[in-house]
Structure formats: C-alpha cells, structure tokens
Amino acid sequence: MDEIERCKPWIKAALKYGGGTHSFEDVKSGIIDGRMQLWPAAKSCLITEITQYPKKKVLHVFLGAGDLEEIKSMQPDVMAWGKSHGCTSLTMAGRKGWLRRINDIGWKEQLVVMEKVIG
C-alpha cells in the first residue's frame, strides 16, 4: 500500500493522458484486488494487467510514468513475470511519442487506437 501512495503523483500525471478511462482510485483498487500489477521503481512505475484473448494471453502495460530510462530497464523483469504467467507478449497503448522512445528496446507499432467522442 505504501508503494502505491509513493507512486501516486506519477500515476495521476499519466492518467491525465489516458482519455479519462480511470481515476487513481480505480487503479489503486485494481492493484489491491490483483487485477493490476504495480511495478514500482526509484523514479518511476509501471502498471500492468493480464489480458486473456480467445487465442492469446498478453501482459498489457496499462500505464508507465516517471523516468523513461528506468522504465525501459524494467522490461526484462516485466517480460519474465509475464512469461511465468503464460503471457506470450507485451502490449501497450499510449501517446504516439512513446513508440519512438521505446523502439530501441524492441517495441513495434501493431495497431492504432482511435477515438470519437459521442455527443
């Protein structure tokens, strides 16, 4: 619980770019009940969640916030954890700028997420 609160400023800052899908309290609840995983580090954090599709299980990086180099250095541990839970890949949705900042560690664009507000 202490780590969630320590990471709260980073999480809240990242959620501002998330399209309004979650509040900090939603994320905190997801971590506490085990639907989401918190990856705290000294100057950053990641939030992941396992997504089970009919033919594939992936570890989705729901949120990354803080120091980019530190976040990138977390990838091997995150991948190993995902693999140990039956995941075959990592996915992430984020702002377009993320892709050029993480392509050096093997991330490629797969899909584009688009939104149209109703009303």
PDB file of N, CA and C in Angstrom:
ATOM      1  N   MET A   1       0.823  -1.200   0.000  1.00  0.00           N
ATOM      2  CA  MET A   1       0.000   0.000   0.000  1.00  0.00           C
ATOM      3  C   MET A   1       0.863   1.258   0.000  1.00  0.00           C
ATOM      4  N   ASP A   2       1.959   1.242   0.743  1.00  0.00           N
ATOM      5  CA  ASP A   2       2.838   2.405   0.790  1.00  0.00           C
ATOM      6  C   ASP A   2       3.414   2.732  -0.584  1.00  0.00           C
ATOM      7  N   GLU A   3       3.740   1.704  -1.359  1.00  0.00           N
ATOM      8  CA  GLU A   3       4.304   1.920  -2.689  1.00  0.00           C
ATOM      9  C   GLU A   3       3.285   2.558  -3.631  1.00  0.00           C
ATOM     10  N   ILE A   4       2.043   2.178  -3.504  1.00  0.00           N
ATOM     11  CA  ILE A   4       1.003   2.799  -4.336  1.00  0.00           C
ATOM     12  C   ILE A   4       0.946   4.293  -4.047  1.00  0.00           C
ATOM     13  N   GLU A   5       0.960   4.650  -2.783  1.00  0.00           N
ATOM     14  CA  GLU A   5       0.899   6.066  -2.410  1.00  0.00           C
ATOM     15  C   GLU A   5       2.158   6.810  -2.844  1.00  0.00           C
ATOM     16  N   ARG A   6       3.315   6.162  -2.751  1.00  0.00           N
ATOM     17  CA  ARG A   6       4.559   6.799  -3.191  1.00  0.00           C
ATOM     18  C   ARG A   6       4.519   7.078  -4.692  1.00  0.00           C
ATOM     19  N   CYS A   7       3.916   6.171  -5.442  1.00  0.00           N
ATOM     20  CA  CYS A   7       3.840   6.315  -6.892  1.00  0.00           C
ATOM     21  C   CYS A   7       2.649   7.160  -7.346  1.00  0.00           C
ATOM     22  N   LYS A   8       1.794   7.552  -6.431  1.00  0.00           N
ATOM     23  CA  LYS A   8       0.563   8.273  -6.758  1.00  0.00           C
ATOM     24  C   LYS A   8       0.782   9.483  -7.662  1.00  0.00           C
ATOM     25  N   PRO A   9       1.770  10.350  -7.407  1.00  0.00           N
ATOM     26  CA  PRO A   9       1.939  11.510  -8.299  1.00  0.00           C
ATOM     27  C   PRO A   9       2.224  11.112  -9.749  1.00  0.00           C
ATOM     28  N   TRP A  10       3.029  10.080  -9.948  1.00  0.00           N
ATOM     29  CA  TRP A  10       3.338   9.622 -11.310  1.00  0.00           C
ATOM     30  C   TRP A  10       2.093   9.035 -11.962  1.00  0.00           C
ATOM     31  N   ILE A  11       1.374   8.217 -11.219  1.00  0.00           N
ATOM     32  CA  ILE A  11       0.171   7.581 -11.759  1.00  0.00           C
ATOM     33  C   ILE A  11      -0.858   8.640 -12.150  1.00  0.00           C
ATOM     34  N   LYS A  12      -1.103   9.591 -11.259  1.00  0.00           N
ATOM     35  CA  LYS A  12      -2.090  10.634 -11.551  1.00  0.00           C
ATOM     36  C   LYS A  12      -1.675  11.467 -12.758  1.00  0.00           C
ATOM     37  N   ALA A  13      -0.385  11.770 -12.877  1.00  0.00           N
ATOM     38  CA  ALA A  13       0.100  12.551 -14.023  1.00  0.00           C
ATOM     39  C   ALA A  13      -0.117  11.783 -15.325  1.00  0.00           C
ATOM     40  N   ALA A  14       0.158  10.487 -15.321  1.00  0.00           N
ATOM     41  CA  ALA A  14      -0.010   9.677 -16.530  1.00  0.00           C
ATOM     42  C   ALA A  14      -1.486   9.522 -16.893  1.00  0.00           C
ATOM     43  N   LEU A  15      -2.338   9.419 -15.896  1.00  0.00           N
ATOM     44  CA  LEU A  15      -3.768   9.250 -16.159  1.00  0.00           C
ATOM     45  C   LEU A  15      -4.373  10.451 -16.875  1.00  0.00           C
ATOM     46  N   LYS A  16      -3.762  11.607 -16.762  1.00  0.00           N
ATOM     47  CA  LYS A  16      -4.254  12.796 -17.462  1.00  0.00           C
ATOM     48  C   LYS A  16      -4.230  12.606 -18.978  1.00  0.00           C
ATOM     49  N   TYR A  17      -3.365  11.689 -19.456  1.00  0.00           N
ATOM     50  CA  TYR A  17      -3.250  11.422 -20.888  1.00  0.00           C
ATOM     51  C   TYR A  17      -4.006  10.166 -21.299  1.00  0.00           C
ATOM     52  N   GLY A  18      -4.749   9.555 -20.384  1.00  0.00           N
ATOM     53  CA  GLY A  18      -5.383   8.274 -20.643  1.00  0.00           C
ATOM     54  C   GLY A  18      -6.789   8.325 -21.187  1.00  0.00           C
ATOM     55  N   GLY A  19      -7.264   9.489 -21.548  1.00  0.00           N
ATOM     56  CA  GLY A  19      -8.593   9.573 -22.132  1.00  0.00           C
ATOM     57  C   GLY A  19      -9.728   9.484 -21.132  1.00  0.00           C
ATOM     58  N   GLY A  20      -9.431   9.636 -19.847  1.00  0.00           N
ATOM     59  CA  GLY A  20     -10.471   9.639 -18.836  1.00  0.00           C
ATOM     60  C   GLY A  20     -11.052   8.279 -18.503  1.00  0.00           C
ATOM     61  N   THR A  21     -10.329   7.204 -18.776  1.00  0.00           N
ATOM     62  CA  THR A  21     -10.861   5.863 -18.541  1.00  0.00           C
ATOM     63  C   THR A  21     -10.778   5.422 -17.093  1.00  0.00           C
ATOM     64  N   HIS A  22      -9.806   5.947 -16.345  1.00  0.00           N
ATOM     65  CA  HIS A  22      -9.585   5.507 -14.974  1.00  0.00           C
ATOM     66  C   HIS A  22      -9.206   6.694 -14.089  1.00  0.00           C
ATOM     67  N   SER A  23      -9.557   6.590 -12.826  1.00  0.00           N
ATOM     68  CA  SER A  23      -9.070   7.520 -11.812  1.00  0.00           C
ATOM     69  C   SER A  23      -7.943   6.822 -11.041  1.00  0.00           C
ATOM     70  N   PHE A  24      -7.248   7.577 -10.210  1.00  0.00           N
ATOM     71  CA  PHE A  24      -6.232   6.959  -9.360  1.00  0.00           C
ATOM     72  C   PHE A  24      -6.869   5.893  -8.477  1.00  0.00           C
ATOM     73  N   GLU A  25      -8.045   6.177  -7.940  1.00  0.00           N
ATOM     74  CA  GLU A  25      -8.724   5.210  -7.064  1.00  0.00           C
ATOM     75  C   GLU A  25      -9.063   3.925  -7.817  1.00  0.00           C
ATOM     76  N   ASP A  26      -9.426   4.024  -9.099  1.00  0.00           N
ATOM     77  CA  ASP A  26      -9.691   2.833  -9.912  1.00  0.00           C
ATOM     78  C   ASP A  26      -8.430   1.983 -10.027  1.00  0.00           C
ATOM     79  N   VAL A  27      -7.318   2.634 -10.299  1.00  0.00           N
ATOM     80  CA  VAL A  27      -6.041   1.920 -10.443  1.00  0.00           C
ATOM     81  C   VAL A  27      -5.643   1.295  -9.110  1.00  0.00           C
ATOM     82  N   LYS A  28      -5.757   2.065  -8.057  1.00  0.00           N
ATOM     83  CA  LYS A  28      -5.420   1.562  -6.716  1.00  0.00           C
ATOM     84  C   LYS A  28      -6.249   0.325  -6.390  1.00  0.00           C
ATOM     85  N   SER A  29      -7.547   0.372  -6.659  1.00  0.00           N
ATOM     86  CA  SER A  29      -8.422  -0.786  -6.420  1.00  0.00           C
ATOM     87  C   SER A  29      -7.994  -1.982  -7.252  1.00  0.00           C
ATOM     88  N   GLY A  30      -7.622  -1.726  -8.517  1.00  0.00           N
ATOM     89  CA  GLY A  30      -7.168  -2.807  -9.389  1.00  0.00           C
ATOM     90  C   GLY A  30      -5.908  -3.477  -8.879  1.00  0.00           C
ATOM     91  N   ILE A  31      -5.008  -2.691  -8.304  1.00  0.00           N
ATOM     92  CA  ILE A  31      -3.775  -3.242  -7.738  1.00  0.00           C
ATOM     93  C   ILE A  31      -4.094  -4.040  -6.474  1.00  0.00           C
ATOM     94  N   ILE A  32      -4.898  -3.461  -5.604  1.00  0.00           N
ATOM     95  CA  ILE A  32      -5.229  -4.126  -4.339  1.00  0.00           C
ATOM     96  C   ILE A  32      -5.941  -5.450  -4.569  1.00  0.00           C
ATOM     97  N   ASP A  33      -6.862  -5.484  -5.536  1.00  0.00           N
ATOM     98  CA  ASP A  33      -7.594  -6.747  -5.745  1.00  0.00           C
ATOM     99  C   ASP A  33      -6.906  -7.702  -6.721  1.00  0.00           C
ATOM    100  N   GLY A  34      -5.740  -7.327  -7.220  1.00  0.00           N
ATOM    101  CA  GLY A  34      -4.939  -8.240  -8.027  1.00  0.00           C
ATOM    102  C   GLY A  34      -5.204  -8.223  -9.517  1.00  0.00           C
ATOM    103  N   ARG A  35      -6.124  -7.388 -10.000  1.00  0.00           N
ATOM    104  CA  ARG A  35      -6.371  -7.307 -11.442  1.00  0.00           C
ATOM    105  C   ARG A  35      -5.238  -6.581 -12.158  1.00  0.00           C
ATOM    106  N   MET A  36      -4.545  -5.701 -11.442  1.00  0.00           N
ATOM    107  CA  MET A  36      -3.426  -4.944 -11.994  1.00  0.00           C
ATOM    108  C   MET A  36      -2.193  -5.192 -11.131  1.00  0.00           C
ATOM    109  N   GLN A  37      -1.037  -4.992 -11.746  1.00  0.00           N
ATOM    110  CA  GLN A  37       0.205  -5.185 -11.038  1.00  0.00           C
ATOM    111  C   GLN A  37       0.976  -3.857 -11.021  1.00  0.00           C
ATOM    112  N   LEU A  38       1.485  -3.492  -9.854  1.00  0.00           N
ATOM    113  CA  LEU A  38       2.306  -2.296  -9.706  1.00  0.00           C
ATOM    114  C   LEU A  38       3.764  -2.695  -9.754  1.00  0.00           C
ATOM    115  N   TRP A  39       4.512  -2.011 -10.612  1.00  0.00           N
ATOM    116  CA  TRP A  39       5.947  -2.205 -10.740  1.00  0.00           C
ATOM    117  C   TRP A  39       6.624  -0.916 -10.294  1.00  0.00           C
ATOM    118  N   PRO A  40       6.875  -0.756  -8.990  1.00  0.00           N
ATOM    119  CA  PRO A  40       7.482   0.483  -8.507  1.00  0.00           C
ATOM    120  C   PRO A  40       8.994   0.465  -8.684  1.00  0.00           C
ATOM    121  N   ALA A  41       9.545   1.611  -8.967  1.00  0.00           N
ATOM    122  CA  ALA A  41      10.996   1.769  -9.050  1.00  0.00           C
ATOM    123  C   ALA A  41      11.340   3.077  -8.332  1.00  0.00           C
ATOM    124  N   ALA A  42      12.603   3.421  -8.312  1.00  0.00           N
ATOM    125  CA  ALA A  42      13.047   4.598  -7.565  1.00  0.00           C
ATOM    126  C   ALA A  42      12.437   5.892  -8.089  1.00  0.00           C
ATOM    127  N   LYS A  43      12.378   6.033  -9.433  1.00  0.00           N
ATOM    128  CA  LYS A  43      11.922   7.288 -10.037  1.00  0.00           C
ATOM    129  C   LYS A  43      10.777   7.101 -11.022  1.00  0.00           C
ATOM    130  N   SER A  44      10.111   5.952 -10.965  1.00  0.00           N
ATOM    131  CA  SER A  44       9.048   5.680 -11.934  1.00  0.00           C
ATOM    132  C   SER A  44       8.239   4.465 -11.499  1.00  0.00           C
ATOM    133  N   CYS A  45       7.227   4.164 -12.298  1.00  0.00           N
ATOM    134  CA  CYS A  45       6.451   2.946 -12.048  1.00  0.00           C
ATOM    135  C   CYS A  45       5.746   2.527 -13.330  1.00  0.00           C
ATOM    136  N   LEU A  46       5.365   1.275 -13.354  1.00  0.00           N
ATOM    137  CA  LEU A  46       4.527   0.709 -14.402  1.00  0.00           C
ATOM    138  C   LEU A  46       3.314   0.080 -13.741  1.00  0.00           C
ATOM    139  N   ILE A  47       2.220   0.066 -14.473  1.00  0.00           N
ATOM    140  CA  ILE A  47       1.033  -0.675 -14.074  1.00  0.00           C
ATOM    141  C   ILE A  47       0.726  -1.621 -15.223  1.00  0.00           C
ATOM    142  N   THR A  48       0.615  -2.905 -14.924  1.00  0.00           N
ATOM    143  CA  THR A  48       0.296  -3.892 -15.953  1.00  0.00           C
ATOM    144  C   THR A  48      -0.995  -4.624 -15.583  1.00  0.00           C
ATOM    145  N   GLU A  49      -1.543  -5.297 -16.588  1.00  0.00           N
ATOM    146  CA  GLU A  49      -2.702  -6.162 -16.365  1.00  0.00           C
ATOM    147  C   GLU A  49      -2.664  -7.270 -17.402  1.00  0.00           C
ATOM    148  N   ILE A  50      -3.032  -8.457 -16.977  1.00  0.00           N
ATOM    149  CA  ILE A  50      -3.083  -9.582 -17.906  1.00  0.00           C
ATOM    150  C   ILE A  50      -4.392  -9.507 -18.686  1.00  0.00           C
ATOM    151  N   THR A  51      -4.283  -9.635 -19.994  1.00  0.00           N
ATOM    152  CA  THR A  51      -5.454  -9.659 -20.873  1.00  0.00           C
ATOM    153  C   THR A  51      -5.512 -11.024 -21.540  1.00  0.00           C
ATOM    154  N   GLN A  52      -6.605 -11.731 -21.331  1.00  0.00           N
ATOM    155  CA  GLN A  52      -6.797 -13.047 -21.935  1.00  0.00           C
ATOM    156  C   GLN A  52      -7.735 -12.916 -23.121  1.00  0.00           C
ATOM    157  N   TYR A  53      -7.190 -13.101 -24.322  1.00  0.00           N
ATOM    158  CA  TYR A  53      -7.992 -13.146 -25.538  1.00  0.00           C
ATOM    159  C   TYR A  53      -8.320 -14.602 -25.832  1.00  0.00           C
ATOM    160  N   PRO A  54      -9.247 -14.876 -26.743  1.00  0.00           N
ATOM    161  CA  PRO A  54      -9.575 -16.276 -27.046  1.00  0.00           C
ATOM    162  C   PRO A  54      -8.360 -17.109 -27.472  1.00  0.00           C
ATOM    163  N   LYS A  55      -7.413 -16.495 -28.177  1.00  0.00           N
ATOM    164  CA  LYS A  55      -6.292 -17.268 -28.698  1.00  0.00           C
ATOM    165  C   LYS A  55      -4.926 -16.798 -28.203  1.00  0.00           C
ATOM    166  N   LYS A  56      -4.910 -15.857 -27.279  1.00  0.00           N
ATOM    167  CA  LYS A  56      -3.631 -15.299 -26.856  1.00  0.00           C
ATOM    168  C   LYS A  56      -3.774 -14.643 -25.490  1.00  0.00           C
ATOM    169  N   LYS A  57      -2.756 -14.781 -24.666  1.00  0.00           N
ATOM    170  CA  LYS A  57      -2.710 -14.142 -23.357  1.00  0.00           C
ATOM    171  C   LYS A  57      -1.537 -13.162 -23.368  1.00  0.00           C
ATOM    172  N   VAL A  58      -1.817 -11.912 -23.065  1.00  0.00           N
ATOM    173  CA  VAL A  58      -0.775 -10.890 -23.116  1.00  0.00           C
ATOM    174  C   VAL A  58      -0.703 -10.134 -21.795  1.00  0.00           C
ATOM    175  N   LEU A  59       0.457  -9.587 -21.528  1.00  0.00           N
ATOM    176  CA  LEU A  59       0.626  -8.690 -20.397  1.00  0.00           C
ATOM    177  C   LEU A  59       0.576  -7.279 -20.960  1.00  0.00           C
ATOM    178  N   HIS A  60      -0.472  -6.564 -20.608  1.00  0.00           N
ATOM    179  CA  HIS A  60      -0.687  -5.217 -21.130  1.00  0.00           C
ATOM    180  C   HIS A  60      -0.089  -4.196 -20.175  1.00  0.00           C
ATOM    181  N   VAL A  61       0.778  -3.347 -20.699  1.00  0.00           N
ATOM    182  CA  VAL A  61       1.326  -2.242 -19.917  1.00  0.00           C
ATOM    183  C   VAL A  61       0.278  -1.135 -19.974  1.00  0.00           C
ATOM    184  N   PHE A  62      -0.479  -1.031 -18.913  1.00  0.00           N
ATOM    185  CA  PHE A  62      -1.576  -0.083 -18.839  1.00  0.00           C
ATOM    186  C   PHE A  62      -1.074   1.340 -18.656  1.00  0.00           C
ATOM    187  N   LEU A  63       0.005   1.494 -17.899  1.00  0.00           N
ATOM    188  CA  LEU A  63       0.485   2.827 -17.577  1.00  0.00           C
ATOM    189  C   LEU A  63       1.971   2.775 -17.284  1.00  0.00           C
ATOM    190  N   GLY A  64       2.689   3.745 -17.790  1.00  0.00           N
ATOM    191  CA  GLY A  64       4.095   3.931 -17.459  1.00  0.00           C
ATOM    192  C   GLY A  64       4.309   5.392 -17.123  1.00  0.00           C
ATOM    193  N   ALA A  65       4.989   5.660 -16.024  1.00  0.00           N
ATOM    194  CA  ALA A  65       5.169   7.051 -15.608  1.00  0.00           C
ATOM    195  C   ALA A  65       6.476   7.227 -14.863  1.00  0.00           C
ATOM    196  N   GLY A  66       7.072   8.395 -15.052  1.00  0.00           N
ATOM    197  CA  GLY A  66       8.318   8.695 -14.369  1.00  0.00           C
ATOM    198  C   GLY A  66       9.485   8.701 -15.340  1.00  0.00           C
ATOM    199  N   ASP A  67      10.623   8.248 -14.865  1.00  0.00           N
ATOM    200  CA  ASP A  67      11.870   8.282 -15.624  1.00  0.00           C
ATOM    201  C   ASP A  67      11.876   7.214 -16.730  1.00  0.00           C
ATOM    202  N   LEU A  68      11.971   7.661 -17.978  1.00  0.00           N
ATOM    203  CA  LEU A  68      11.867   6.743 -19.113  1.00  0.00           C
ATOM    204  C   LEU A  68      12.969   5.692 -19.123  1.00  0.00           C
ATOM    205  N   GLU A  69      14.192   6.071 -18.858  1.00  0.00           N
ATOM    206  CA  GLU A  69      15.281   5.087 -18.889  1.00  0.00           C
ATOM    207  C   GLU A  69      15.084   4.017 -17.822  1.00  0.00           C
ATOM    208  N   GLU A  70      14.595   4.417 -16.671  1.00  0.00           N
ATOM    209  CA  GLU A  70      14.321   3.447 -15.617  1.00  0.00           C
ATOM    210  C   GLU A  70      13.182   2.523 -16.035  1.00  0.00           C
ATOM    211  N   ILE A  71      12.152   3.093 -16.647  1.00  0.00           N
ATOM    212  CA  ILE A  71      11.036   2.286 -17.139  1.00  0.00           C
ATOM    213  C   ILE A  71      11.535   1.265 -18.159  1.00  0.00           C
ATOM    214  N   LYS A  72      12.365   1.694 -19.077  1.00  0.00           N
ATOM    215  CA  LYS A  72      12.896   0.788 -20.092  1.00  0.00           C
ATOM    216  C   LYS A  72      13.719  -0.335 -19.459  1.00  0.00           C
ATOM    217  N   SER A  73      14.443  -0.018 -18.394  1.00  0.00           N
ATOM    218  CA  SER A  73      15.285  -1.028 -17.736  1.00  0.00           C
ATOM    219  C   SER A  73      14.448  -2.096 -17.024  1.00  0.00           C
ATOM    220  N   MET A  74      13.182  -1.817 -16.791  1.00  0.00           N
ATOM    221  CA  MET A  74      12.295  -2.764 -16.120  1.00  0.00           C
ATOM    222  C   MET A  74      11.783  -3.856 -17.062  1.00  0.00           C
ATOM    223  N   GLN A  75      11.929  -3.659 -18.364  1.00  0.00           N
ATOM    224  CA  GLN A  75      11.334  -4.569 -19.339  1.00  0.00           C
ATOM    225  C   GLN A  75      11.706  -6.036 -19.135  1.00  0.00           C
ATOM    226  N   PRO A  76      12.977  -6.390 -18.907  1.00  0.00           N
ATOM    227  CA  PRO A  76      13.285  -7.819 -18.741  1.00  0.00           C
ATOM    228  C   PRO A  76      12.522  -8.469 -17.583  1.00  0.00           C
ATOM    229  N   ASP A  77      12.403  -7.780 -16.456  1.00  0.00           N
ATOM    230  CA  ASP A  77      11.679  -8.340 -15.315  1.00  0.00           C
ATOM    231  C   ASP A  77      10.185  -8.459 -15.609  1.00  0.00           C
ATOM    232  N   VAL A  78       9.638  -7.451 -16.278  1.00  0.00           N
ATOM    233  CA  VAL A  78       8.221  -7.480 -16.626  1.00  0.00           C
ATOM    234  C   VAL A  78       7.947  -8.623 -17.594  1.00  0.00           C
ATOM    235  N   MET A  79       8.809  -8.785 -18.588  1.00  0.00           N
ATOM    236  CA  MET A  79       8.635  -9.871 -19.558  1.00  0.00           C
ATOM    237  C   MET A  79       8.742 -11.232 -18.887  1.00  0.00           C
ATOM    238  N   ALA A  80       9.712 -11.397 -17.988  1.00  0.00           N
ATOM    239  CA  ALA A  80       9.880 -12.680 -17.299  1.00  0.00           C
ATOM    240  C   ALA A  80       8.652 -13.002 -16.456  1.00  0.00           C
ATOM    241  N   TRP A  81       8.109 -11.989 -15.778  1.00  0.00           N
ATOM    242  CA  TRP A  81       6.913 -12.200 -14.962  1.00  0.00           C
ATOM    243  C   TRP A  81       5.744 -12.589 -15.864  1.00  0.00           C
ATOM    244  N   GLY A  82       5.578 -11.881 -16.965  1.00  0.00           N
ATOM    245  CA  GLY A  82       4.502 -12.204 -17.898  1.00  0.00           C
ATOM    246  C   GLY A  82       4.618 -13.618 -18.435  1.00  0.00           C
ATOM    247  N   LYS A  83       5.816 -13.989 -18.811  1.00  0.00           N
ATOM    248  CA  LYS A  83       6.034 -15.341 -19.328  1.00  0.00           C
ATOM    249  C   LYS A  83       5.686 -16.384 -18.270  1.00  0.00           C
ATOM    250  N   SER A  84       6.056 -16.129 -17.017  1.00  0.00           N
ATOM    251  CA  SER A  84       5.768 -17.079 -15.940  1.00  0.00           C
ATOM    252  C   SER A  84       4.265 -17.216 -15.680  1.00  0.00           C
ATOM    253  N   HIS A  85       3.489 -16.251 -16.185  1.00  0.00           N
ATOM    254  CA  HIS A  85       2.028 -16.298 -16.041  1.00  0.00           C
ATOM    255  C   HIS A  85       1.327 -16.671 -17.355  1.00  0.00           C
ATOM    256  N   GLY A  86       2.099 -17.211 -18.303  1.00  0.00           N
ATOM    257  CA  GLY A  86       1.520 -17.716 -19.536  1.00  0.00           C
ATOM    258  C   GLY A  86       1.315 -16.703 -20.642  1.00  0.00           C
ATOM    259  N   CYS A  87       1.830 -15.492 -20.466  1.00  0.00           N
ATOM    260  CA  CYS A  87       1.691 -14.464 -21.499  1.00  0.00           C
ATOM    261  C   CYS A  87       2.727 -14.675 -22.595  1.00  0.00           C
ATOM    262  N   THR A  88       2.334 -14.392 -23.826  1.00  0.00           N
ATOM    263  CA  THR A  88       3.239 -14.586 -24.957  1.00  0.00           C
ATOM    264  C   THR A  88       3.779 -13.275 -25.513  1.00  0.00           C
ATOM    265  N   SER A  89       3.242 -12.139 -25.048  1.00  0.00           N
ATOM    266  CA  SER A  89       3.764 -10.851 -25.497  1.00  0.00           C
ATOM    267  C   SER A  89       3.338  -9.750 -24.540  1.00  0.00           C
ATOM    268  N   LEU A  90       3.950  -8.597 -24.731  1.00  0.00           N
ATOM    269  CA  LEU A  90       3.570  -7.383 -24.031  1.00  0.00           C
ATOM    270  C   LEU A  90       2.822  -6.497 -25.016  1.00  0.00           C
ATOM    271  N   THR A  91       1.818  -5.786 -24.544  1.00  0.00           N
ATOM    272  CA  THR A  91       1.149  -4.770 -25.349  1.00  0.00           C
ATOM    273  C   THR A  91       1.117  -3.483 -24.540  1.00  0.00           C
ATOM    274  N   MET A  92       0.926  -2.386 -25.242  1.00  0.00           N
ATOM    275  CA  MET A  92       0.824  -1.099 -24.582  1.00  0.00           C
ATOM    276  C   MET A  92       0.072  -0.150 -25.494  1.00  0.00           C
ATOM    277  N   ALA A  93      -0.804   0.651 -24.929  1.00  0.00           N
ATOM    278  CA  ALA A  93      -1.443   1.739 -25.664  1.00  0.00           C
ATOM    279  C   ALA A  93      -0.922   3.026 -25.048  1.00  0.00           C
ATOM    280  N   GLY A  94      -0.632   3.993 -25.876  1.00  0.00           N
ATOM    281  CA  GLY A  94      -0.113   5.248 -25.345  1.00  0.00           C
ATOM    282  C   GLY A  94      -0.026   6.296 -26.427  1.00  0.00           C
ATOM    283  N   ARG A  95       0.487   7.433 -26.029  1.00  0.00           N
ATOM    284  CA  ARG A  95       0.673   8.512 -26.985  1.00  0.00           C
ATOM    285  C   ARG A  95       1.712   8.103 -28.029  1.00  0.00           C
ATOM    286  N   LYS A  96       1.547   8.612 -29.232  1.00  0.00           N
ATOM    287  CA  LYS A  96       2.415   8.251 -30.364  1.00  0.00           C
ATOM    288  C   LYS A  96       3.901   8.431 -30.035  1.00  0.00           C
ATOM    289  N   GLY A  97       4.231   9.453 -29.260  1.00  0.00           N
ATOM    290  CA  GLY A  97       5.622   9.716 -28.921  1.00  0.00           C
ATOM    291  C   GLY A  97       6.306   8.582 -28.166  1.00  0.00           C
ATOM    292  N   TRP A  98       5.538   7.761 -27.468  1.00  0.00           N
ATOM    293  CA  TRP A  98       6.127   6.634 -26.753  1.00  0.00           C
ATOM    294  C   TRP A  98       6.857   5.687 -27.708  1.00  0.00           C
ATOM    295  N   LEU A  99       6.278   5.459 -28.878  1.00  0.00           N
ATOM    296  CA  LEU A  99       6.847   4.478 -29.801  1.00  0.00           C
ATOM    297  C   LEU A  99       8.277   4.828 -30.198  1.00  0.00           C
ATOM    298  N   ARG A 100       8.525   6.061 -30.529  1.00  0.00           N
ATOM    299  CA  ARG A 100       9.892   6.406 -30.938  1.00  0.00           C
ATOM    300  C   ARG A 100      10.863   6.393 -29.762  1.00  0.00           C
ATOM    301  N   ARG A 101      10.333   6.472 -28.538  1.00  0.00           N
ATOM    302  CA  ARG A 101      11.190   6.445 -27.357  1.00  0.00           C
ATOM    303  C   ARG A 101      11.507   5.022 -26.893  1.00  0.00           C
ATOM    304  N   ILE A 102      10.714   4.028 -27.361  1.00  0.00           N
ATOM    305  CA  ILE A 102      10.932   2.646 -26.909  1.00  0.00           C
ATOM    306  C   ILE A 102      11.209   1.672 -28.055  1.00  0.00           C
ATOM    307  N   ASN A 103      11.308   2.169 -29.275  1.00  0.00           N
ATOM    308  CA  ASN A 103      11.582   1.234 -30.378  1.00  0.00           C
ATOM    309  C   ASN A 103      12.981   0.637 -30.262  1.00  0.00           C
ATOM    310  N   ASP A 104      13.877   1.285 -29.542  1.00  0.00           N
ATOM    311  CA  ASP A 104      15.226   0.759 -29.366  1.00  0.00           C
ATOM    312  C   ASP A 104      15.270  -0.475 -28.461  1.00  0.00           C
ATOM    313  N   ILE A 105      14.175  -0.757 -27.759  1.00  0.00           N
ATOM    314  CA  ILE A 105      14.135  -1.971 -26.937  1.00  0.00           C
ATOM    315  C   ILE A 105      13.128  -2.981 -27.492  1.00  0.00           C
ATOM    316  N   GLY A 106      12.832  -2.831 -28.786  1.00  0.00           N
ATOM    317  CA  GLY A 106      12.078  -3.861 -29.494  1.00  0.00           C
ATOM    318  C   GLY A 106      10.590  -3.656 -29.689  1.00  0.00           C
ATOM    319  N   TRP A 107      10.052  -2.509 -29.308  1.00  0.00           N
ATOM    320  CA  TRP A 107       8.621  -2.263 -29.483  1.00  0.00           C
ATOM    321  C   TRP A 107       8.337  -1.824 -30.908  1.00  0.00           C
ATOM    322  N   LYS A 108       7.257  -2.354 -31.473  1.00  0.00           N
ATOM    323  CA  LYS A 108       6.819  -2.026 -32.829  1.00  0.00           C
ATOM    324  C   LYS A 108       5.344  -1.651 -32.806  1.00  0.00           C
ATOM    325  N   GLU A 109       4.946  -0.768 -33.703  1.00  0.00           N
ATOM    326  CA  GLU A 109       3.532  -0.417 -33.813  1.00  0.00           C
ATOM    327  C   GLU A 109       2.763  -1.594 -34.392  1.00  0.00           C
ATOM    328  N   GLN A 110       1.683  -1.969 -33.727  1.00  0.00           N
ATOM    329  CA  GLN A 110       0.851  -3.065 -34.204  1.00  0.00           C
ATOM    330  C   GLN A 110      -0.501  -2.546 -34.665  1.00  0.00           C
ATOM    331  N   LEU A 111      -1.135  -1.744 -33.849  1.00  0.00           N
ATOM    332  CA  LEU A 111      -2.447  -1.183 -34.151  1.00  0.00           C
ATOM    333  C   LEU A 111      -2.437   0.285 -33.785  1.00  0.00           C
ATOM    334  N   VAL A 112      -3.413   0.999 -34.273  1.00  0.00           N
ATOM    335  CA  VAL A 112      -3.599   2.388 -33.897  1.00  0.00           C
ATOM    336  C   VAL A 112      -4.933   2.459 -33.164  1.00  0.00           C
ATOM    337  N   VAL A 113      -4.961   3.111 -32.023  1.00  0.00           N
ATOM    338  CA  VAL A 113      -6.193   3.300 -31.274  1.00  0.00           C
ATOM    339  C   VAL A 113      -6.739   4.673 -31.622  1.00  0.00           C
ATOM    340  N   MET A 114      -7.987   4.715 -32.030  1.00  0.00           N
ATOM    341  CA  MET A 114      -8.640   5.967 -32.387  1.00  0.00           C
ATOM    342  C   MET A 114      -9.859   6.148 -31.500  1.00  0.00           C
ATOM    343  N   GLU A 115     -10.264   7.386 -31.321  1.00  0.00           N
ATOM    344  CA  GLU A 115     -11.446   7.662 -30.502  1.00  0.00           C
ATOM    345  C   GLU A 115     -12.275   8.750 -31.144  1.00  0.00           C
ATOM    346  N   LYS A 116     -13.575   8.603 -31.084  1.00  0.00           N
ATOM    347  CA  LYS A 116     -14.516   9.636 -31.462  1.00  0.00           C
ATOM    348  C   LYS A 116     -15.489   9.771 -30.322  1.00  0.00           C
ATOM    349  N   VAL A 117     -15.569  10.963 -29.780  1.00  0.00           N
ATOM    350  CA  VAL A 117     -16.469  11.230 -28.658  1.00  0.00           C
ATOM    351  C   VAL A 117     -17.900  11.247 -29.165  1.00  0.00           C
ATOM    352  N   ILE A 118     -18.779  10.575 -28.466  1.00  0.00           N
ATOM    353  CA  ILE A 118     -20.205  10.547 -28.817  1.00  0.00           C
ATOM    354  C   ILE A 118     -20.897  11.682 -28.069  1.00  0.00           C
ATOM    355  N   GLY A 119     -21.654  12.509 -28.825  1.00  0.00           N
ATOM    356  CA  GLY A 119     -22.432  13.564 -28.183  1.00  0.00           C
ATOM    357  C   GLY A 119     -21.808  14.865 -28.133  1.00  0.00           C
TER     358      GLY A 119
END
